[in-house]
């Protein structure tokens, strides 16, 4: 997993997966990333606690860059740059 890139990290798109359980947040993110241009950043908002395991694993397997991961209360936020 690569982090800390100096490229623009402003999200190009936001995907709300709140209320969805594994594996749906990752599957929806994969589908949304397909429609984005390389270099675009997708912000994913999730409430499933398993997302903190699933998204880093997804990025490592797919080659996308996990730019940022954070948590606010019960909300998990991931910013993923498409390769």
PDB file of N, CA and C in Angstrom:
ATOM      1  N   UNK A   1       0.843  -1.183   0.000  1.00  0.00           N
ATOM      2  CA  UNK A   1       0.000   0.000   0.000  1.00  0.00           C
ATOM      3  C   UNK A   1       0.882   1.239   0.000  1.00  0.00           C
ATOM      4  N   UNK A   2       0.634   2.119  -0.937  1.00  0.00           N
ATOM      5  CA  UNK A   2       1.383   3.367  -1.011  1.00  0.00           C
ATOM      6  C   UNK A   2       0.564   4.459  -0.351  1.00  0.00           C
ATOM      7  N   UNK A   3       1.206   5.331   0.385  1.00  0.00           N
ATOM      8  CA  UNK A   3       0.520   6.475   0.969  1.00  0.00           C
ATOM      9  C   UNK A   3       1.417   7.687   0.861  1.00  0.00           C
ATOM     10  N   UNK A   4       0.812   8.869   1.011  1.00  0.00           N
ATOM     11  CA  UNK A   4       1.603  10.076   1.067  1.00  0.00           C
ATOM     12  C   UNK A   4       2.036  10.616  -0.272  1.00  0.00           C
ATOM     13  N   UNK A   5       1.337  10.303  -1.328  1.00  0.00           N
ATOM     14  CA  UNK A   5       1.695  10.811  -2.645  1.00  0.00           C
ATOM     15  C   UNK A   5       1.592  12.328  -2.675  1.00  0.00           C
ATOM     16  N   UNK A   6       2.425  12.973  -3.509  1.00  0.00           N
ATOM     17  CA  UNK A   6       2.414  14.426  -3.610  1.00  0.00           C
ATOM     18  C   UNK A   6       1.416  14.913  -4.658  1.00  0.00           C
ATOM     19  N   UNK A   7       0.722  13.990  -5.324  1.00  0.00           N
ATOM     20  CA  UNK A   7      -0.290  14.369  -6.299  1.00  0.00           C
ATOM     21  C   UNK A   7      -1.493  14.976  -5.582  1.00  0.00           C
ATOM     22  N   UNK A   8      -2.363  15.632  -6.355  1.00  0.00           N
ATOM     23  CA  UNK A   8      -3.584  16.202  -5.807  1.00  0.00           C
ATOM     24  C   UNK A   8      -4.407  15.101  -5.138  1.00  0.00           C
ATOM     25  N   UNK A   9      -4.823  15.331  -3.904  1.00  0.00           N
ATOM     26  CA  UNK A   9      -5.609  14.330  -3.185  1.00  0.00           C
ATOM     27  C   UNK A   9      -7.050  14.758  -2.993  1.00  0.00           C
ATOM     28  N   UNK A  10      -7.482  15.819  -3.668  1.00  0.00           N
ATOM     29  CA  UNK A  10      -8.878  16.229  -3.567  1.00  0.00           C
ATOM     30  C   UNK A  10      -9.745  15.184  -4.243  1.00  0.00           C
ATOM     31  N   UNK A  11     -10.772  14.682  -3.536  1.00  0.00           N
ATOM     32  CA  UNK A  11     -11.628  13.656  -4.137  1.00  0.00           C
ATOM     33  C   UNK A  11     -12.316  14.149  -5.402  1.00  0.00           C
ATOM     34  N   UNK A  12     -12.321  13.291  -6.426  1.00  0.00           N
ATOM     35  CA  UNK A  12     -13.020  13.556  -7.674  1.00  0.00           C
ATOM     36  C   UNK A  12     -14.479  13.139  -7.563  1.00  0.00           C
ATOM     37  N   UNK A  13     -14.752  12.183  -6.677  1.00  0.00           N
ATOM     38  CA  UNK A  13     -16.091  11.617  -6.525  1.00  0.00           C
ATOM     39  C   UNK A  13     -16.215  11.070  -5.107  1.00  0.00           C
ATOM     40  N   UNK A  14     -17.449  10.997  -4.616  1.00  0.00           N
ATOM     41  CA  UNK A  14     -17.711  10.448  -3.287  1.00  0.00           C
ATOM     42  C   UNK A  14     -18.725   9.324  -3.406  1.00  0.00           C
ATOM     43  N   UNK A  15     -18.460   8.228  -2.704  1.00  0.00           N
ATOM     44  CA  UNK A  15     -19.345   7.071  -2.689  1.00  0.00           C
ATOM     45  C   UNK A  15     -19.803   6.844  -1.258  1.00  0.00           C
ATOM     46  N   UNK A  16     -21.108   6.911  -1.034  1.00  0.00           N
ATOM     47  CA  UNK A  16     -21.694   6.701   0.288  1.00  0.00           C
ATOM     48  C   UNK A  16     -22.125   5.246   0.408  1.00  0.00           C
ATOM     49  N   UNK A  17     -21.407   4.480   1.233  1.00  0.00           N
ATOM     50  CA  UNK A  17     -21.767   3.077   1.452  1.00  0.00           C
ATOM     51  C   UNK A  17     -22.229   2.860   2.895  1.00  0.00           C
ATOM     52  N   UNK A  18     -22.634   3.930   3.542  1.00  0.00           N
ATOM     53  CA  UNK A  18     -23.101   3.799   4.925  1.00  0.00           C
ATOM     54  C   UNK A  18     -24.269   2.823   5.004  1.00  0.00           C
ATOM     55  N   UNK A  19     -24.214   1.943   6.004  1.00  0.00           N
ATOM     56  CA  UNK A  19     -25.276   0.960   6.208  1.00  0.00           C
ATOM     57  C   UNK A  19     -25.057  -0.343   5.462  1.00  0.00           C
ATOM     58  N   UNK A  20     -24.105  -0.376   4.527  1.00  0.00           N
ATOM     59  CA  UNK A  20     -23.831  -1.603   3.790  1.00  0.00           C
ATOM     60  C   UNK A  20     -22.771  -2.427   4.511  1.00  0.00           C
ATOM     61  N   UNK A  21     -22.908  -3.736   4.423  1.00  0.00           N
ATOM     62  CA  UNK A  21     -21.975  -4.655   5.072  1.00  0.00           C
ATOM     63  C   UNK A  21     -21.070  -5.311   4.041  1.00  0.00           C
ATOM     64  N   UNK A  22     -19.944  -5.793   4.527  1.00  0.00           N
ATOM     65  CA  UNK A  22     -18.959  -6.503   3.717  1.00  0.00           C
ATOM     66  C   UNK A  22     -19.652  -7.611   2.921  1.00  0.00           C
ATOM     67  N   UNK A  23     -19.359  -7.731   1.651  1.00  0.00           N
ATOM     68  CA  UNK A  23     -18.330  -7.092   0.843  1.00  0.00           C
ATOM     69  C   UNK A  23     -18.854  -5.922   0.002  1.00  0.00           C
ATOM     70  N   UNK A  24     -20.097  -5.488   0.229  1.00  0.00           N
ATOM     71  CA  UNK A  24     -20.707  -4.478  -0.644  1.00  0.00           C
ATOM     72  C   UNK A  24     -19.943  -3.160  -0.753  1.00  0.00           C
ATOM     73  N   UNK A  25     -19.415  -2.582   0.332  1.00  0.00           N
ATOM     74  CA  UNK A  25     -18.686  -1.319   0.160  1.00  0.00           C
ATOM     75  C   UNK A  25     -17.517  -1.425  -0.832  1.00  0.00           C
ATOM     76  N   UNK A  26     -16.747  -2.494  -0.738  1.00  0.00           N
ATOM     77  CA  UNK A  26     -15.609  -2.665  -1.646  1.00  0.00           C
ATOM     78  C   UNK A  26     -16.091  -2.935  -3.068  1.00  0.00           C
ATOM     79  N   UNK A  27     -17.124  -3.743  -3.219  1.00  0.00           N
ATOM     80  CA  UNK A  27     -17.634  -4.042  -4.561  1.00  0.00           C
ATOM     81  C   UNK A  27     -18.158  -2.787  -5.245  1.00  0.00           C
ATOM     82  N   UNK A  28     -18.860  -1.945  -4.503  1.00  0.00           N
ATOM     83  CA  UNK A  28     -19.374  -0.698  -5.068  1.00  0.00           C
ATOM     84  C   UNK A  28     -18.228   0.269  -5.391  1.00  0.00           C
ATOM     85  N   UNK A  29     -17.210   0.292  -4.537  1.00  0.00           N
ATOM     86  CA  UNK A  29     -16.051   1.146  -4.800  1.00  0.00           C
ATOM     87  C   UNK A  29     -15.323   0.677  -6.054  1.00  0.00           C
ATOM     88  N   UNK A  30     -15.149  -0.619  -6.211  1.00  0.00           N
ATOM     89  CA  UNK A  30     -14.481  -1.144  -7.402  1.00  0.00           C
ATOM     90  C   UNK A  30     -15.237  -0.733  -8.666  1.00  0.00           C
ATOM     91  N   UNK A  31     -16.547  -0.850  -8.624  1.00  0.00           N
ATOM     92  CA  UNK A  31     -17.363  -0.477  -9.785  1.00  0.00           C
ATOM     93  C   UNK A  31     -17.250   1.026 -10.078  1.00  0.00           C
ATOM     94  N   UNK A  32     -17.296   1.855  -9.031  1.00  0.00           N
ATOM     95  CA  UNK A  32     -17.197   3.302  -9.228  1.00  0.00           C
ATOM     96  C   UNK A  32     -15.823   3.684  -9.767  1.00  0.00           C
ATOM     97  N   UNK A  33     -14.765   3.045  -9.263  1.00  0.00           N
ATOM     98  CA  UNK A  33     -13.417   3.338  -9.734  1.00  0.00           C
ATOM     99  C   UNK A  33     -13.265   3.036 -11.228  1.00  0.00           C
ATOM    100  N   UNK A  34     -13.972   2.050 -11.720  1.00  0.00           N
ATOM    101  CA  UNK A  34     -13.896   1.713 -13.144  1.00  0.00           C
ATOM    102  C   UNK A  34     -14.339   2.875 -14.018  1.00  0.00           C
ATOM    103  N   UNK A  35     -15.250   3.701 -13.510  1.00  0.00           N
ATOM    104  CA  UNK A  35     -15.773   4.808 -14.309  1.00  0.00           C
ATOM    105  C   UNK A  35     -14.913   6.068 -14.199  1.00  0.00           C
ATOM    106  N   UNK A  36     -13.913   6.066 -13.330  1.00  0.00           N
ATOM    107  CA  UNK A  36     -13.062   7.235 -13.134  1.00  0.00           C
ATOM    108  C   UNK A  36     -11.791   7.143 -13.977  1.00  0.00           C
ATOM    109  N   UNK A  37     -11.211   8.286 -14.254  1.00  0.00           N
ATOM    110  CA  UNK A  37      -9.954   8.350 -14.998  1.00  0.00           C
ATOM    111  C   UNK A  37      -8.783   8.020 -14.073  1.00  0.00           C
ATOM    112  N   UNK A  38      -7.697   7.481 -14.622  1.00  0.00           N
ATOM    113  CA  UNK A  38      -6.506   7.245 -13.795  1.00  0.00           C
ATOM    114  C   UNK A  38      -6.053   8.543 -13.122  1.00  0.00           C
ATOM    115  N   UNK A  39      -5.694   8.436 -11.855  1.00  0.00           N
ATOM    116  CA  UNK A  39      -5.277   9.605 -11.079  1.00  0.00           C
ATOM    117  C   UNK A  39      -6.402  10.230 -10.277  1.00  0.00           C
ATOM    118  N   UNK A  40      -7.654   9.899 -10.627  1.00  0.00           N
ATOM    119  CA  UNK A  40      -8.799  10.436  -9.882  1.00  0.00           C
ATOM    120  C   UNK A  40      -8.845   9.814  -8.492  1.00  0.00           C
ATOM    121  N   UNK A  41      -9.369  10.578  -7.537  1.00  0.00           N
ATOM    122  CA  UNK A  41      -9.473  10.109  -6.156  1.00  0.00           C
ATOM    123  C   UNK A  41     -10.937   9.900  -5.805  1.00  0.00           C
ATOM    124  N   UNK A  42     -11.243   8.701  -5.312  1.00  0.00           N
ATOM    125  CA  UNK A  42     -12.583   8.361  -4.856  1.00  0.00           C
ATOM    126  C   UNK A  42     -12.605   8.389  -3.335  1.00  0.00           C
ATOM    127  N   UNK A  43     -13.540   9.155  -2.795  1.00  0.00           N
ATOM    128  CA  UNK A  43     -13.758   9.177  -1.343  1.00  0.00           C
ATOM    129  C   UNK A  43     -14.891   8.209  -1.047  1.00  0.00           C
ATOM    130  N   UNK A  44     -14.647   7.252  -0.151  1.00  0.00           N
ATOM    131  CA  UNK A  44     -15.658   6.268   0.232  1.00  0.00           C
ATOM    132  C   UNK A  44     -15.974   6.471   1.709  1.00  0.00           C
ATOM    133  N   UNK A  45     -17.270   6.586   2.012  1.00  0.00           N
ATOM    134  CA  UNK A  45     -17.734   6.694   3.391  1.00  0.00           C
ATOM    135  C   UNK A  45     -18.450   5.396   3.744  1.00  0.00           C
ATOM    136  N   UNK A  46     -18.028   4.757   4.839  1.00  0.00           N
ATOM    137  CA  UNK A  46     -18.579   3.464   5.236  1.00  0.00           C
ATOM    138  C   UNK A  46     -18.818   3.428   6.738  1.00  0.00           C
ATOM    139  N   UNK A  47     -19.739   2.572   7.150  1.00  0.00           N
ATOM    140  CA  UNK A  47     -20.003   2.376   8.571  1.00  0.00           C
ATOM    141  C   UNK A  47     -19.683   0.957   9.028  1.00  0.00           C
ATOM    142  N   UNK A  48     -19.361   0.073   8.104  1.00  0.00           N
ATOM    143  CA  UNK A  48     -19.024  -1.302   8.446  1.00  0.00           C
ATOM    144  C   UNK A  48     -17.615  -1.341   9.036  1.00  0.00           C
ATOM    145  N   UNK A  49     -17.459  -1.790  10.288  1.00  0.00           N
ATOM    146  CA  UNK A  49     -16.134  -1.829  10.914  1.00  0.00           C
ATOM    147  C   UNK A  49     -15.120  -2.680  10.136  1.00  0.00           C
ATOM    148  N   UNK A  50     -15.586  -3.649   9.353  1.00  0.00           N
ATOM    149  CA  UNK A  50     -14.677  -4.482   8.564  1.00  0.00           C
ATOM    150  C   UNK A  50     -14.031  -3.704   7.422  1.00  0.00           C
ATOM    151  N   UNK A  51     -14.565  -2.527   7.122  1.00  0.00           N
ATOM    152  CA  UNK A  51     -14.008  -1.715   6.036  1.00  0.00           C
ATOM    153  C   UNK A  51     -12.540  -1.353   6.299  1.00  0.00           C
ATOM    154  N   UNK A  52     -12.151  -1.232   7.568  1.00  0.00           N
ATOM    155  CA  UNK A  52     -10.758  -0.869   7.875  1.00  0.00           C
ATOM    156  C   UNK A  52      -9.789  -1.986   7.485  1.00  0.00           C
ATOM    157  N   UNK A  53     -10.293  -3.192   7.319  1.00  0.00           N
ATOM    158  CA  UNK A  53      -9.489  -4.314   6.829  1.00  0.00           C
ATOM    159  C   UNK A  53      -9.663  -4.447   5.320  1.00  0.00           C
ATOM    160  N   UNK A  54     -10.910  -4.327   4.874  1.00  0.00           N
ATOM    161  CA  UNK A  54     -11.239  -4.591   3.471  1.00  0.00           C
ATOM    162  C   UNK A  54     -10.614  -3.607   2.493  1.00  0.00           C
ATOM    163  N   UNK A  55     -10.670  -2.299   2.776  1.00  0.00           N
ATOM    164  CA  UNK A  55     -10.187  -1.324   1.807  1.00  0.00           C
ATOM    165  C   UNK A  55      -8.667  -1.340   1.638  1.00  0.00           C
ATOM    166  N   UNK A  56      -7.880  -1.413   2.718  1.00  0.00           N
ATOM    167  CA  UNK A  56      -6.430  -1.536   2.510  1.00  0.00           C
ATOM    168  C   UNK A  56      -6.070  -2.804   1.713  1.00  0.00           C
ATOM    169  N   UNK A  57      -6.763  -3.902   1.993  1.00  0.00           N
ATOM    170  CA  UNK A  57      -6.518  -5.149   1.275  1.00  0.00           C
ATOM    171  C   UNK A  57      -6.897  -4.999  -0.204  1.00  0.00           C
ATOM    172  N   UNK A  58      -8.055  -4.403  -0.462  1.00  0.00           N
ATOM    173  CA  UNK A  58      -8.496  -4.168  -1.836  1.00  0.00           C
ATOM    174  C   UNK A  58      -7.462  -3.341  -2.601  1.00  0.00           C
ATOM    175  N   UNK A  59      -6.964  -2.274  -1.992  1.00  0.00           N
ATOM    176  CA  UNK A  59      -5.979  -1.418  -2.661  1.00  0.00           C
ATOM    177  C   UNK A  59      -4.677  -2.170  -2.925  1.00  0.00           C
ATOM    178  N   UNK A  60      -4.244  -2.950  -1.962  1.00  0.00           N
ATOM    179  CA  UNK A  60      -3.007  -3.720  -2.136  1.00  0.00           C
ATOM    180  C   UNK A  60      -3.157  -4.733  -3.264  1.00  0.00           C
ATOM    181  N   UNK A  61      -4.308  -5.357  -3.365  1.00  0.00           N
ATOM    182  CA  UNK A  61      -4.533  -6.373  -4.388  1.00  0.00           C
ATOM    183  C   UNK A  61      -4.755  -5.770  -5.769  1.00  0.00           C
ATOM    184  N   UNK A  62      -5.425  -4.620  -5.829  1.00  0.00           N
ATOM    185  CA  UNK A  62      -5.794  -4.030  -7.118  1.00  0.00           C
ATOM    186  C   UNK A  62      -4.745  -3.055  -7.649  1.00  0.00           C
ATOM    187  N   UNK A  63      -3.844  -2.596  -6.760  1.00  0.00           N
ATOM    188  CA  UNK A  63      -2.823  -1.646  -7.168  1.00  0.00           C
ATOM    189  C   UNK A  63      -3.225  -0.194  -7.016  1.00  0.00           C
ATOM    190  N   UNK A  64      -4.481   0.060  -6.632  1.00  0.00           N
ATOM    191  CA  UNK A  64      -4.895   1.442  -6.396  1.00  0.00           C
ATOM    192  C   UNK A  64      -4.188   1.957  -5.141  1.00  0.00           C
ATOM    193  N   UNK A  65      -4.056   3.270  -5.037  1.00  0.00           N
ATOM    194  CA  UNK A  65      -3.352   3.876  -3.908  1.00  0.00           C
ATOM    195  C   UNK A  65      -4.338   4.328  -2.831  1.00  0.00           C
ATOM    196  N   UNK A  66      -4.172   3.823  -1.625  1.00  0.00           N
ATOM    197  CA  UNK A  66      -4.960   4.302  -0.490  1.00  0.00           C
ATOM    198  C   UNK A  66      -4.282   5.577   0.003  1.00  0.00           C
ATOM    199  N   UNK A  67      -4.851   6.712  -0.385  1.00  0.00           N
ATOM    200  CA  UNK A  67      -4.243   8.007  -0.098  1.00  0.00           C
ATOM    201  C   UNK A  67      -4.440   8.383   1.364  1.00  0.00           C
ATOM    202  N   UNK A  68      -5.621   8.113   1.880  1.00  0.00           N
ATOM    203  CA  UNK A  68      -5.953   8.534   3.244  1.00  0.00           C
ATOM    204  C   UNK A  68      -7.011   7.602   3.810  1.00  0.00           C
ATOM    205  N   UNK A  69      -6.902   7.351   5.120  1.00  0.00           N
ATOM    206  CA  UNK A  69      -7.888   6.559   5.844  1.00  0.00           C
ATOM    207  C   UNK A  69      -8.109   7.253   7.177  1.00  0.00           C
ATOM    208  N   UNK A  70      -9.375   7.502   7.522  1.00  0.00           N
ATOM    209  CA  UNK A  70      -9.660   8.167   8.790  1.00  0.00           C
ATOM    210  C   UNK A  70     -10.986   7.664   9.345  1.00  0.00           C
ATOM    211  N   UNK A  71     -11.251   8.054  10.583  1.00  0.00           N
ATOM    212  CA  UNK A  71     -12.491   7.657  11.242  1.00  0.00           C
ATOM    213  C   UNK A  71     -13.032   8.841  12.032  1.00  0.00           C
ATOM    214  N   UNK A  72     -14.338   9.053  11.881  1.00  0.00           N
ATOM    215  CA  UNK A  72     -15.051  10.048  12.684  1.00  0.00           C
ATOM    216  C   UNK A  72     -16.235   9.350  13.316  1.00  0.00           C
ATOM    217  N   UNK A  73     -16.171   9.129  14.622  1.00  0.00           N
ATOM    218  CA  UNK A  73     -17.198   8.372  15.333  1.00  0.00           C
ATOM    219  C   UNK A  73     -17.383   7.015  14.655  1.00  0.00           C
ATOM    220  N   UNK A  74     -18.584   6.731  14.145  1.00  0.00           N
ATOM    221  CA  UNK A  74     -18.876   5.440  13.511  1.00  0.00           C
ATOM    222  C   UNK A  74     -18.654   5.472  11.996  1.00  0.00           C
ATOM    223  N   UNK A  75     -18.109   6.557  11.468  1.00  0.00           N
ATOM    224  CA  UNK A  75     -17.916   6.706  10.029  1.00  0.00           C
ATOM    225  C   UNK A  75     -16.445   6.494   9.659  1.00  0.00           C
ATOM    226  N   UNK A  76     -16.218   5.592   8.716  1.00  0.00           N
ATOM    227  CA  UNK A  76     -14.873   5.314   8.218  1.00  0.00           C
ATOM    228  C   UNK A  76     -14.759   5.955   6.836  1.00  0.00           C
ATOM    229  N   UNK A  77     -13.677   6.684   6.608  1.00  0.00           N
ATOM    230  CA  UNK A  77     -13.488   7.419   5.365  1.00  0.00           C
ATOM    231  C   UNK A  77     -12.197   6.947   4.701  1.00  0.00           C
ATOM    232  N   UNK A  78     -12.305   6.613   3.413  1.00  0.00           N
ATOM    233  CA  UNK A  78     -11.151   6.154   2.638  1.00  0.00           C
ATOM    234  C   UNK A  78     -11.060   7.005   1.381  1.00  0.00           C
ATOM    235  N   UNK A  79      -9.862   7.416   1.040  1.00  0.00           N
ATOM    236  CA  UNK A  79      -9.634   8.128  -0.214  1.00  0.00           C
ATOM    237  C   UNK A  79      -8.679   7.266  -1.036  1.00  0.00           C
ATOM    238  N   UNK A  80      -9.145   6.869  -2.206  1.00  0.00           N
ATOM    239  CA  UNK A  80      -8.438   5.918  -3.049  1.00  0.00           C
ATOM    240  C   UNK A  80      -8.146   6.558  -4.399  1.00  0.00           C
ATOM    241  N   UNK A  81      -6.871   6.546  -4.802  1.00  0.00           N
ATOM    242  CA  UNK A  81      -6.491   7.071  -6.112  1.00  0.00           C
ATOM    243  C   UNK A  81      -6.452   5.909  -7.104  1.00  0.00           C
ATOM    244  N   UNK A  82      -7.176   6.075  -8.207  1.00  0.00           N
ATOM    245  CA  UNK A  82      -7.179   5.062  -9.249  1.00  0.00           C
ATOM    246  C   UNK A  82      -5.854   5.073 -10.002  1.00  0.00           C
ATOM    247  N   UNK A  83      -5.340   3.876 -10.259  1.00  0.00           N
ATOM    248  CA  UNK A  83      -4.100   3.748 -11.037  1.00  0.00           C
ATOM    249  C   UNK A  83      -4.417   3.645 -12.511  1.00  0.00           C
TER     250      UNK A  83
END
